Amino acid sequence: MTDSKIARLRLLATDANAKIRESVASSPNAPEDVLVALAADDDEGVRSCVARNEHAPCDVLRSLADDDSERVRGFLAVNFFVPADVMERLADDRSEIVRALVGWKGALADA
């Protein structure tokens, strides 16, 4: 990844259009500091894209485990790169849907 592409991702991460920020949040090349910022984005869709990004650092994924959005926590639950401690927390989530997604992912891993 070139410096100019990283600079472009950094610039796009601050775009007013949430769909553009979602694109950055989904990028396997987004720098950690950009993902940290996008994990705190006001837009649920942006945070959801960070939650399902398999290249997001564990600490960034951990930060989303208590997100107010069931959608964000749901995407986190099906990301195979989420740390075990986060999966344990999601297994006791207040949302029945999130708990079901944790069970579904566990069944896939056991298959």
N, C-alpha and C. Protein backbone atom coordinates (compact mmCIF):
# COMPACT_ATOMS: atom_id res chain seq x y z
N MET A 1 0.85 -1.17 0.00
CA MET A 1 0.00 0.00 0.00
C MET A 1 0.90 1.24 0.00
N THR A 2 0.67 2.09 -0.95
CA THR A 2 1.52 3.28 -1.07
C THR A 2 1.08 4.37 -0.07
N ASP A 3 2.01 5.26 0.19
CA ASP A 3 1.71 6.38 1.09
C ASP A 3 0.56 7.22 0.56
N SER A 4 0.50 7.39 -0.77
CA SER A 4 -0.57 8.22 -1.34
C SER A 4 -1.94 7.55 -1.16
N LYS A 5 -2.00 6.22 -1.22
CA LYS A 5 -3.27 5.52 -1.01
C LYS A 5 -3.70 5.61 0.45
N ILE A 6 -2.74 5.50 1.35
CA ILE A 6 -3.05 5.67 2.78
C ILE A 6 -3.55 7.08 3.04
N ALA A 7 -2.90 8.07 2.43
CA ALA A 7 -3.32 9.46 2.59
C ALA A 7 -4.75 9.64 2.06
N ARG A 8 -5.07 8.98 0.96
CA ARG A 8 -6.42 9.06 0.39
C ARG A 8 -7.44 8.46 1.36
N LEU A 9 -7.10 7.31 1.96
CA LEU A 9 -8.00 6.70 2.94
C LEU A 9 -8.23 7.64 4.12
N ARG A 10 -7.17 8.28 4.59
CA ARG A 10 -7.30 9.21 5.71
C ARG A 10 -8.23 10.37 5.35
N LEU A 11 -8.09 10.88 4.15
CA LEU A 11 -8.93 11.99 3.70
C LEU A 11 -10.39 11.54 3.57
N LEU A 12 -10.61 10.39 2.95
CA LEU A 12 -11.97 9.89 2.75
C LEU A 12 -12.66 9.53 4.07
N ALA A 13 -11.89 9.18 5.07
CA ALA A 13 -12.45 8.82 6.38
C ALA A 13 -13.14 10.00 7.05
N THR A 14 -12.85 11.20 6.60
CA THR A 14 -13.46 12.41 7.18
C THR A 14 -14.53 13.00 6.26
N ASP A 15 -14.88 12.30 5.19
CA ASP A 15 -15.88 12.80 4.24
C ASP A 15 -17.25 12.94 4.93
N ALA A 16 -18.01 13.90 4.49
CA ALA A 16 -19.35 14.11 5.06
C ALA A 16 -20.31 12.99 4.69
N ASN A 17 -20.06 12.30 3.60
CA ASN A 17 -20.94 11.22 3.13
C ASN A 17 -20.61 9.93 3.89
N ALA A 18 -21.58 9.43 4.64
CA ALA A 18 -21.36 8.22 5.44
C ALA A 18 -21.01 7.01 4.58
N LYS A 19 -21.53 6.95 3.37
CA LYS A 19 -21.24 5.80 2.50
C LYS A 19 -19.76 5.77 2.13
N ILE A 20 -19.15 6.92 1.98
CA ILE A 20 -17.72 6.98 1.68
C ILE A 20 -16.93 6.55 2.91
N ARG A 21 -17.35 7.00 4.10
CA ARG A 21 -16.68 6.57 5.32
C ARG A 21 -16.84 5.06 5.53
N GLU A 22 -18.01 4.51 5.14
CA GLU A 22 -18.22 3.06 5.22
C GLU A 22 -17.20 2.32 4.35
N SER A 23 -16.94 2.86 3.18
CA SER A 23 -15.97 2.25 2.28
C SER A 23 -14.58 2.19 2.93
N VAL A 24 -14.19 3.26 3.58
CA VAL A 24 -12.90 3.28 4.28
C VAL A 24 -12.92 2.29 5.44
N ALA A 25 -14.02 2.26 6.18
CA ALA A 25 -14.13 1.36 7.34
C ALA A 25 -14.05 -0.10 6.92
N SER A 26 -14.42 -0.40 5.69
CA SER A 26 -14.39 -1.77 5.17
C SER A 26 -13.04 -2.15 4.57
N SER A 27 -12.19 -1.17 4.39
CA SER A 27 -10.92 -1.40 3.71
C SER A 27 -9.94 -2.22 4.56
N PRO A 28 -9.35 -3.26 3.95
CA PRO A 28 -8.32 -4.01 4.68
C PRO A 28 -7.04 -3.20 4.87
N ASN A 29 -6.95 -2.07 4.20
CA ASN A 29 -5.74 -1.25 4.27
C ASN A 29 -5.90 -0.01 5.14
N ALA A 30 -7.06 0.15 5.76
CA ALA A 30 -7.26 1.33 6.61
C ALA A 30 -6.32 1.26 7.81
N PRO A 31 -5.59 2.34 8.08
CA PRO A 31 -4.69 2.35 9.24
C PRO A 31 -5.47 2.24 10.55
N GLU A 32 -4.80 1.75 11.57
CA GLU A 32 -5.45 1.54 12.86
C GLU A 32 -6.07 2.82 13.41
N ASP A 33 -5.36 3.94 13.34
CA ASP A 33 -5.91 5.18 13.90
C ASP A 33 -7.17 5.62 13.17
N VAL A 34 -7.26 5.32 11.89
CA VAL A 34 -8.46 5.64 11.12
C VAL A 34 -9.61 4.75 11.58
N LEU A 35 -9.33 3.46 11.78
CA LEU A 35 -10.38 2.54 12.25
C LEU A 35 -10.84 2.91 13.66
N VAL A 36 -9.92 3.36 14.50
CA VAL A 36 -10.29 3.81 15.84
C VAL A 36 -11.29 4.96 15.74
N ALA A 37 -10.99 5.92 14.88
CA ALA A 37 -11.89 7.07 14.71
C ALA A 37 -13.24 6.64 14.13
N LEU A 38 -13.21 5.75 13.14
CA LEU A 38 -14.45 5.32 12.50
C LEU A 38 -15.29 4.43 13.43
N ALA A 39 -14.65 3.75 14.36
CA ALA A 39 -15.39 2.94 15.34
C ALA A 39 -16.22 3.83 16.27
N ALA A 40 -15.88 5.10 16.35
CA ALA A 40 -16.62 6.05 17.17
C ALA A 40 -17.50 6.97 16.33
N ASP A 41 -17.63 6.67 15.05
CA ASP A 41 -18.43 7.49 14.14
C ASP A 41 -19.89 7.56 14.61
N ASP A 42 -20.55 8.66 14.36
CA ASP A 42 -21.97 8.80 14.72
C ASP A 42 -22.87 7.90 13.90
N ASP A 43 -22.41 7.50 12.71
CA ASP A 43 -23.24 6.71 11.81
C ASP A 43 -23.12 5.21 12.10
N GLU A 44 -24.25 4.58 12.33
CA GLU A 44 -24.30 3.15 12.63
C GLU A 44 -23.72 2.30 11.51
N GLY A 45 -23.95 2.70 10.27
CA GLY A 45 -23.43 1.95 9.12
C GLY A 45 -21.91 1.95 9.08
N VAL A 46 -21.31 3.07 9.43
CA VAL A 46 -19.85 3.17 9.45
C VAL A 46 -19.29 2.25 10.53
N ARG A 47 -19.88 2.31 11.73
CA ARG A 47 -19.41 1.45 12.82
C ARG A 47 -19.62 -0.02 12.47
N SER A 48 -20.71 -0.33 11.77
CA SER A 48 -20.97 -1.72 11.35
C SER A 48 -19.89 -2.22 10.40
N CYS A 49 -19.44 -1.35 9.52
CA CYS A 49 -18.37 -1.74 8.59
C CYS A 49 -17.06 -1.99 9.32
N VAL A 50 -16.78 -1.21 10.35
CA VAL A 50 -15.59 -1.49 11.16
C VAL A 50 -15.75 -2.84 11.85
N ALA A 51 -16.94 -3.09 12.39
CA ALA A 51 -17.20 -4.33 13.14
C ALA A 51 -17.01 -5.58 12.29
N ARG A 52 -17.29 -5.48 11.00
CA ARG A 52 -17.15 -6.67 10.15
C ARG A 52 -15.82 -6.70 9.38
N ASN A 53 -14.97 -5.71 9.61
CA ASN A 53 -13.67 -5.66 8.94
C ASN A 53 -12.72 -6.68 9.60
N GLU A 54 -12.37 -7.70 8.86
CA GLU A 54 -11.52 -8.77 9.38
C GLU A 54 -10.08 -8.33 9.64
N HIS A 55 -9.74 -7.15 9.17
CA HIS A 55 -8.38 -6.63 9.36
C HIS A 55 -8.31 -5.60 10.48
N ALA A 56 -9.44 -5.33 11.12
CA ALA A 56 -9.44 -4.37 12.22
C ALA A 56 -8.71 -4.97 13.42
N PRO A 57 -7.88 -4.18 14.09
CA PRO A 57 -7.17 -4.67 15.27
C PRO A 57 -8.15 -5.10 16.37
N CYS A 58 -7.72 -6.05 17.17
CA CYS A 58 -8.57 -6.60 18.25
C CYS A 58 -9.09 -5.52 19.18
N ASP A 59 -8.26 -4.55 19.53
CA ASP A 59 -8.71 -3.50 20.45
C ASP A 59 -9.81 -2.63 19.83
N VAL A 60 -9.75 -2.43 18.54
CA VAL A 60 -10.80 -1.68 17.86
C VAL A 60 -12.10 -2.48 17.90
N LEU A 61 -12.01 -3.77 17.62
CA LEU A 61 -13.20 -4.62 17.67
C LEU A 61 -13.75 -4.68 19.09
N ARG A 62 -12.87 -4.77 20.08
CA ARG A 62 -13.30 -4.79 21.48
C ARG A 62 -14.12 -3.54 21.82
N SER A 63 -13.70 -2.42 21.27
CA SER A 63 -14.37 -1.15 21.59
C SER A 63 -15.82 -1.13 21.10
N LEU A 64 -16.16 -2.00 20.18
CA LEU A 64 -17.52 -2.02 19.63
C LEU A 64 -18.44 -3.00 20.35
N ALA A 65 -17.93 -3.77 21.28
CA ALA A 65 -18.73 -4.81 21.94
C ALA A 65 -19.88 -4.23 22.75
N ASP A 66 -19.75 -3.00 23.20
CA ASP A 66 -20.82 -2.37 23.98
C ASP A 66 -21.55 -1.29 23.19
N ASP A 67 -21.42 -1.32 21.89
CA ASP A 67 -22.08 -0.34 21.05
C ASP A 67 -23.59 -0.38 21.30
N ASP A 68 -24.24 0.76 21.24
CA ASP A 68 -25.69 0.83 21.44
C ASP A 68 -26.46 0.14 20.33
N SER A 69 -25.84 0.01 19.17
CA SER A 69 -26.52 -0.55 18.01
C SER A 69 -26.47 -2.08 17.98
N GLU A 70 -27.64 -2.68 17.92
CA GLU A 70 -27.73 -4.14 17.77
C GLU A 70 -27.09 -4.58 16.45
N ARG A 71 -27.23 -3.76 15.43
CA ARG A 71 -26.65 -4.07 14.12
C ARG A 71 -25.12 -4.15 14.20
N VAL A 72 -24.51 -3.19 14.87
CA VAL A 72 -23.06 -3.18 15.03
C VAL A 72 -22.60 -4.43 15.79
N ARG A 73 -23.26 -4.70 16.90
CA ARG A 73 -22.89 -5.88 17.70
C ARG A 73 -23.14 -7.16 16.92
N GLY A 74 -24.17 -7.18 16.08
CA GLY A 74 -24.45 -8.35 15.26
C GLY A 74 -23.35 -8.61 14.25
N PHE A 75 -22.90 -7.56 13.59
CA PHE A 75 -21.79 -7.74 12.65
C PHE A 75 -20.52 -8.16 13.38
N LEU A 76 -20.32 -7.64 14.56
CA LEU A 76 -19.18 -8.03 15.37
C LEU A 76 -19.25 -9.52 15.70
N ALA A 77 -20.45 -9.99 16.02
CA ALA A 77 -20.64 -11.39 16.41
C ALA A 77 -20.29 -12.37 15.30
N VAL A 78 -20.42 -11.97 14.04
CA VAL A 78 -20.14 -12.90 12.94
C VAL A 78 -18.75 -12.71 12.33
N ASN A 79 -17.98 -11.78 12.87
CA ASN A 79 -16.61 -11.57 12.40
C ASN A 79 -15.72 -12.65 13.04
N PHE A 80 -15.11 -13.49 12.23
CA PHE A 80 -14.31 -14.60 12.76
C PHE A 80 -13.00 -14.16 13.40
N PHE A 81 -12.69 -12.89 13.34
CA PHE A 81 -11.43 -12.41 13.91
C PHE A 81 -11.63 -11.64 15.22
N VAL A 82 -12.83 -11.74 15.78
CA VAL A 82 -13.12 -11.09 17.05
C VAL A 82 -12.51 -11.93 18.17
N PRO A 83 -11.84 -11.31 19.13
CA PRO A 83 -11.22 -12.06 20.23
C PRO A 83 -12.25 -12.85 21.05
N ALA A 84 -11.79 -13.92 21.65
CA ALA A 84 -12.66 -14.81 22.42
C ALA A 84 -13.36 -14.08 23.57
N ASP A 85 -12.67 -13.16 24.23
CA ASP A 85 -13.30 -12.45 25.35
C ASP A 85 -14.48 -11.61 24.90
N VAL A 86 -14.40 -11.08 23.69
CA VAL A 86 -15.52 -10.30 23.14
C VAL A 86 -16.67 -11.23 22.79
N MET A 87 -16.36 -12.39 22.24
CA MET A 87 -17.41 -13.35 21.91
C MET A 87 -18.14 -13.81 23.17
N GLU A 88 -17.41 -13.96 24.27
CA GLU A 88 -18.04 -14.34 25.53
C GLU A 88 -19.01 -13.26 25.99
N ARG A 89 -18.62 -12.00 25.83
CA ARG A 89 -19.52 -10.89 26.19
C ARG A 89 -20.74 -10.87 25.29
N LEU A 90 -20.52 -11.08 24.00
CA LEU A 90 -21.65 -11.06 23.05
C LEU A 90 -22.59 -12.25 23.26
N ALA A 91 -22.06 -13.35 23.78
CA ALA A 91 -22.91 -14.52 24.05
C ALA A 91 -23.94 -14.20 25.13
N ASP A 92 -23.68 -13.19 25.95
CA ASP A 92 -24.62 -12.76 26.99
C ASP A 92 -25.26 -11.40 26.65
N ASP A 93 -25.23 -11.04 25.37
CA ASP A 93 -25.75 -9.75 24.93
C ASP A 93 -27.22 -9.59 25.28
N ARG A 94 -27.65 -8.36 25.46
CA ARG A 94 -29.06 -8.09 25.77
C ARG A 94 -29.98 -8.39 24.59
N SER A 95 -29.41 -8.48 23.40
CA SER A 95 -30.21 -8.75 22.19
C SER A 95 -30.26 -10.24 21.89
N GLU A 96 -31.46 -10.73 21.72
CA GLU A 96 -31.64 -12.14 21.35
C GLU A 96 -31.01 -12.42 19.98
N ILE A 97 -31.08 -11.46 19.09
CA ILE A 97 -30.50 -11.63 17.74
C ILE A 97 -28.99 -11.77 17.82
N VAL A 98 -28.34 -10.92 18.59
CA VAL A 98 -26.88 -11.00 18.73
C VAL A 98 -26.49 -12.34 19.34
N ARG A 99 -27.20 -12.75 20.37
CA ARG A 99 -26.90 -14.05 21.00
C ARG A 99 -27.08 -15.19 19.99
N ALA A 100 -28.11 -15.10 19.17
CA ALA A 100 -28.35 -16.14 18.15
C ALA A 100 -27.22 -16.15 17.12
N LEU A 101 -26.72 -14.98 16.75
CA LEU A 101 -25.61 -14.92 15.79
C LEU A 101 -24.34 -15.52 16.38
N VAL A 102 -24.12 -15.30 17.66
CA VAL A 102 -22.97 -15.91 18.33
C VAL A 102 -23.10 -17.44 18.27
N GLY A 103 -24.29 -17.95 18.56
CA GLY A 103 -24.53 -19.39 18.50
C GLY A 103 -24.36 -19.94 17.09
N TRP A 104 -24.85 -19.20 16.09
CA TRP A 104 -24.74 -19.61 14.70
C TRP A 104 -23.27 -19.70 14.29
N LYS A 105 -22.50 -18.68 14.67
CA LYS A 105 -21.08 -18.69 14.32
C LYS A 105 -20.35 -19.84 15.02
N GLY A 106 -20.72 -20.09 16.28
CA GLY A 106 -20.12 -21.21 17.00
C GLY A 106 -20.44 -22.54 16.34
N ALA A 107 -21.66 -22.69 15.84
CA ALA A 107 -22.04 -23.93 15.15
C ALA A 107 -21.24 -24.10 13.86
N LEU A 108 -20.99 -23.00 13.17
CA LEU A 108 -20.18 -23.08 11.95
C LEU A 108 -18.75 -23.51 12.27
N ALA A 109 -18.22 -22.97 13.34
CA ALA A 109 -16.84 -23.29 13.73
C ALA A 109 -16.73 -24.75 14.15
N ASP A 110 -17.79 -25.30 14.72
CA ASP A 110 -17.78 -26.69 15.17
C ASP A 110 -18.03 -27.68 14.04
N ALA A 111 -18.54 -27.19 12.93
CA ALA A 111 -18.90 -28.09 11.81
C ALA A 111 -17.69 -28.61 11.06
